[in-house]
Every structure is written in structure tokens, then in C-alpha cells.
Protein backbone atom coordinates (compact mmCIF):
# COMPACT_ATOMS: atom_id res chain seq x y z
CA MET A 1 14.44 -2.19 1.25
CA THR A 2 17.13 -0.81 3.40
CA ASP A 3 16.68 -1.23 7.32
CA GLU A 4 16.15 2.51 7.51
CA GLU A 5 13.02 2.14 5.28
CA LYS A 6 11.73 -0.78 7.02
CA PHE A 7 12.04 1.11 10.32
CA ALA A 8 10.27 3.93 8.80
CA VAL A 9 7.08 1.87 7.64
CA ASP A 10 7.12 0.03 11.31
CA LEU A 11 7.30 3.83 12.89
CA TYR A 12 5.20 5.89 10.60
CA GLY A 13 3.18 3.03 8.88
CA TYR A 14 4.05 4.45 5.13
CA LEU A 15 6.95 5.23 3.19
CA VAL A 16 7.50 8.03 0.83
CA ILE A 17 9.70 6.98 -2.01
CA LYS A 18 11.23 9.90 -3.81
CA ASP A 19 11.68 10.36 -7.51
CA VAL A 20 9.62 7.04 -8.50
CA LEU A 21 7.87 8.83 -11.39
CA THR A 22 9.76 11.15 -14.33
CA ASP A 23 8.61 14.47 -15.36
CA ASP A 24 7.57 12.52 -18.70
CA GLU A 25 5.24 10.23 -16.66
CA VAL A 26 3.82 13.10 -14.48
CA GLY A 27 3.32 14.93 -17.70
CA GLU A 28 1.47 12.34 -19.35
CA MET A 29 -1.07 12.09 -16.36
CA ASN A 30 -1.51 15.96 -15.91
CA ALA A 31 -2.24 16.08 -19.55
CA ILE A 32 -5.26 13.54 -19.02
CA ILE A 33 -6.53 15.27 -15.86
CA ASP A 34 -6.19 18.69 -17.55
CA ARG A 35 -8.66 17.40 -19.94
CA GLY A 36 -11.24 16.96 -17.33
CA ILE A 37 -11.32 14.91 -14.28
CA PRO A 38 -11.95 11.36 -15.99
CA GLU A 39 -14.83 9.05 -14.81
CA GLY A 40 -14.09 5.71 -12.63
CA MET A 41 -11.27 4.21 -11.22
CA PRO A 42 -7.84 5.88 -12.12
CA SER A 43 -6.38 2.43 -13.23
CA LEU A 44 -8.86 2.73 -16.29
CA TRP A 45 -7.86 6.52 -17.09
CA GLY A 46 -5.07 5.30 -20.02
CA GLU A 47 -1.79 3.47 -19.88
CA PRO A 48 0.26 6.37 -18.10
CA PHE A 49 -2.22 5.26 -14.87
CA LYS A 50 -2.46 1.81 -15.69
CA ARG A 51 1.40 1.48 -15.51
CA LEU A 52 1.37 2.65 -11.85
CA ILE A 53 -0.10 -0.71 -10.70
CA ASP A 54 3.09 -2.54 -11.27
CA HIS A 55 5.49 0.37 -11.52
CA PRO A 56 9.14 -0.98 -11.29
CA LYS A 57 10.40 1.44 -8.76
CA ILE A 58 7.24 0.49 -6.27
CA LEU A 59 6.75 -3.14 -6.79
CA PRO A 60 9.71 -4.19 -5.29
CA TYR A 61 8.60 -2.45 -1.83
CA LEU A 62 5.42 -4.09 -2.30
CA ILE A 63 6.79 -7.24 -2.67
CA GLU A 64 8.95 -6.76 0.47
CA LEU A 65 6.15 -5.66 2.54
CA LEU A 66 3.42 -7.63 1.53
CA GLY A 67 4.88 -10.81 -0.14
CA PRO A 68 4.90 -12.06 -3.79
CA TYR A 69 1.11 -12.40 -3.93
CA VAL A 70 0.01 -8.53 -4.21
CA ARG A 71 -3.11 -7.61 -5.87
CA LEU A 72 -4.86 -4.43 -6.56
CA ASP A 73 -8.12 -4.56 -4.78
CA HIS A 74 -9.28 -1.06 -5.70
CA ASP A 75 -8.17 2.34 -6.88
CA TYR A 76 -9.53 5.74 -6.49
CA ALA A 77 -7.84 9.48 -6.79
CA LEU A 78 -8.10 12.68 -4.39
CA PHE A 79 -8.01 15.85 -6.32
CA MET A 80 -7.02 19.14 -3.96
CA ASN A 81 -6.95 22.65 -5.17
């Protein structure tokens, strides 16, 4: 993480990481959702969602902020019109 990113996390409590997902990745997930909102936790909706758990563009940030022993406690999704 850059010093600017660390400062943003300290200041706002979150960090926006741009361009994490490719158009293809978003398309895969949208196709699943477009068939109907799946039941249960998003990590169980299929491989595109499961890959979000340790996505290579996000995992380094989690390790930097939380340490090497990160874990998924629970997951959920919000849908907005």
C-alpha cells in the first residue's frame, strides 16, 4: 500500500480500489444474478463469487491492513435498484 492509501484508510475507514474486476468478471457475476437472486451467501453462488474471497488485486491490501491471518467470517450482498 502506498502512504496515500494508508492515510485514506486512517481518515475514512475504507479504501476504494479502482479497476479490481475486469469486464468479463463483472459479466460473469451479472449473468448469475440476472437469472434470479441466488439463495444463501454470495461465496456459494459459484466460482466467480468464490474468487472474490482471495482476489489477487485485493488480498495484498487485506494482508497489509489485517496481517497474514485473514479469514472470511461471513458474507452477504446488498441489491439496490
